[in-house]
Protein backbone atom coordinates (compact mmCIF):
# COMPACT_ATOMS: atom_id res chain seq x y z
CA MET A 1 -26.57 35.41 13.34
CA LYS A 2 -25.04 32.34 14.55
CA ASP A 3 -25.22 31.74 18.56
CA PRO A 4 -21.38 32.23 19.36
CA ARG A 5 -21.00 28.77 21.27
CA ARG A 6 -22.16 27.08 17.78
CA GLN A 7 -19.09 28.83 15.76
CA LEU A 8 -16.86 28.10 18.18
CA GLY A 9 -17.97 24.64 17.87
CA ASP A 10 -18.21 24.49 14.05
CA ALA A 11 -14.66 25.70 13.87
CA GLY A 12 -13.87 23.18 16.75
CA GLU A 13 -14.92 20.49 14.58
CA ASP A 14 -13.38 22.54 10.96
CA LEU A 15 -10.12 22.27 12.90
CA ALA A 16 -10.68 18.14 14.07
CA ALA A 17 -11.76 16.94 10.37
CA ALA A 18 -8.33 18.28 8.74
CA ALA A 19 -6.47 17.17 11.83
CA LEU A 20 -7.84 13.53 11.22
CA LYS A 21 -7.90 13.51 7.57
CA LYS A 22 -3.91 14.26 7.75
CA GLN A 23 -3.80 11.21 10.32
CA GLY A 24 -5.62 8.77 7.87
CA TYR A 25 -8.94 9.18 8.47
CA LYS A 26 -11.65 8.95 6.04
CA ILE A 27 -14.14 11.73 7.06
CA LEU A 28 -18.48 9.79 6.39
CA ALA A 29 -20.39 12.33 7.74
CA ARG A 30 -19.99 15.65 9.67
CA ASN A 31 -23.17 16.68 12.46
CA TYR A 32 -25.09 13.40 11.74
CA THR A 33 -28.37 13.66 13.20
CA THR A 34 -30.90 11.50 14.63
CA PRO A 35 -34.01 11.38 17.24
CA LEU A 36 -31.26 10.47 19.79
CA GLY A 37 -28.73 13.52 19.11
CA GLU A 38 -26.11 14.19 17.46
CA ILE A 39 -22.64 12.44 16.25
CA ASP A 40 -20.32 15.37 15.64
CA LEU A 41 -17.96 13.20 13.15
CA ILE A 42 -18.30 9.66 11.64
CA ALA A 43 -14.97 8.36 9.96
CA ARG A 44 -13.24 5.25 8.82
CA HIS A 45 -9.66 4.93 9.88
CA ARG A 46 -7.35 1.55 10.14
CA GLY A 47 -10.26 -0.74 9.29
CA GLU A 48 -12.36 0.65 11.89
CA LEU A 49 -15.61 2.90 12.06
CA VAL A 50 -14.99 5.65 13.79
CA PHE A 51 -17.48 7.73 15.66
CA ILE A 52 -15.80 11.20 16.87
CA GLU A 53 -16.79 13.51 19.97
CA VAL A 54 -15.04 17.25 19.50
CA LYS A 55 -14.78 19.09 22.36
CA THR A 56 -13.22 22.75 21.43
CA ARG A 57 -12.26 25.37 24.74
CA LYS A 58 -11.12 28.63 24.37
CA SER A 59 -9.84 28.49 28.08
CA LEU A 60 -8.75 25.39 30.22
CA ARG A 61 -10.67 27.21 33.43
CA PHE A 62 -13.18 23.94 33.46
CA GLY A 63 -10.29 21.50 32.55
CA GLU A 64 -9.14 20.07 29.04
CA PRO A 65 -12.04 20.06 26.41
CA GLN A 66 -12.33 16.23 26.52
CA ASP A 67 -12.27 15.90 29.85
CA ALA A 68 -16.06 17.12 29.38
CA VAL A 69 -16.95 13.71 27.70
CA SER A 70 -18.80 12.79 30.70
CA ALA A 71 -19.94 8.77 31.93
CA PRO A 72 -23.85 9.56 30.64
CA LYS A 73 -22.17 11.53 27.70
CA GLN A 74 -20.55 8.27 26.49
CA ALA A 75 -23.52 6.21 27.25
CA ARG A 76 -25.70 8.60 24.67
CA LEU A 77 -22.93 8.35 21.89
CA ARG A 78 -22.83 4.39 21.79
CA LYS A 79 -26.98 5.03 21.63
CA LEU A 80 -26.06 7.34 18.47
CA ALA A 81 -23.72 5.19 17.37
CA ASP A 82 -25.75 1.97 17.41
CA TYR A 83 -28.65 3.81 15.89
CA TYR A 84 -26.35 4.80 12.84
CA LEU A 85 -25.08 1.08 12.60
CA LYS A 86 -28.74 -0.28 12.63
CA ARG A 87 -29.61 2.77 10.09
CA GLN A 88 -27.20 1.77 7.75
CA ARG A 89 -27.59 -1.72 7.93
CA LEU A 90 -23.84 -2.53 8.86
CA GLY A 91 -24.27 -5.17 11.09
CA GLU A 92 -21.35 -6.62 12.67
CA VAL A 93 -18.31 -3.91 12.04
CA PRO A 94 -15.26 -3.24 14.04
CA VAL A 95 -16.21 0.56 16.28
CA ARG A 96 -14.35 2.50 17.99
CA PHE A 97 -14.84 5.64 19.78
CA ASP A 98 -12.59 8.77 19.63
CA VAL A 99 -12.51 12.27 21.30
CA VAL A 100 -10.64 15.00 20.04
CA GLY A 101 -10.44 17.51 22.14
CA ILE A 102 -9.46 21.68 21.17
CA THR A 103 -7.99 24.17 22.42
CA LEU A 104 -8.23 27.76 21.13
CA ILE A 105 -5.81 29.71 23.34
CA GLU A 106 -3.61 32.66 21.58
CA GLY A 107 -1.81 31.57 18.73
CA GLU A 108 -1.85 28.04 17.24
CA PRO A 109 -4.86 25.85 18.28
CA ARG A 110 -3.85 22.67 20.14
CA VAL A 111 -5.60 19.71 18.77
CA GLU A 112 -5.49 16.72 20.63
CA ILE A 113 -6.67 13.08 18.92
CA ILE A 114 -7.60 10.01 21.77
CA GLN A 115 -8.52 7.22 20.24
CA ASN A 116 -10.54 4.45 21.94
CA ALA A 117 -11.50 7.46 24.42
CA PHE A 118 -14.22 4.46 25.79
């Protein structure tokens, strides 16, 4: 049996991937694991390589989901992206970091894509 937090995260990533595809993103990898941690989604969009953090919440008690991407989390994501770029031998390519906030409160899920989030 999967951990309920993991199930929520997986559901959020599925919703995020579908919404991103509708916006023209080409998903290259999901849950890319490195020794430093995991990148939720990696995609190409408008000529840029995009590293995407997905945050999913069932309530707004602790604020919007995207607010959980703190400065230390952003720094870690930059390191993970650097690892990916070196591992894939991509050299100098245009890169950006997007955040997808998903709120699952009664009814339709709310999906917010924030480009160039940090």
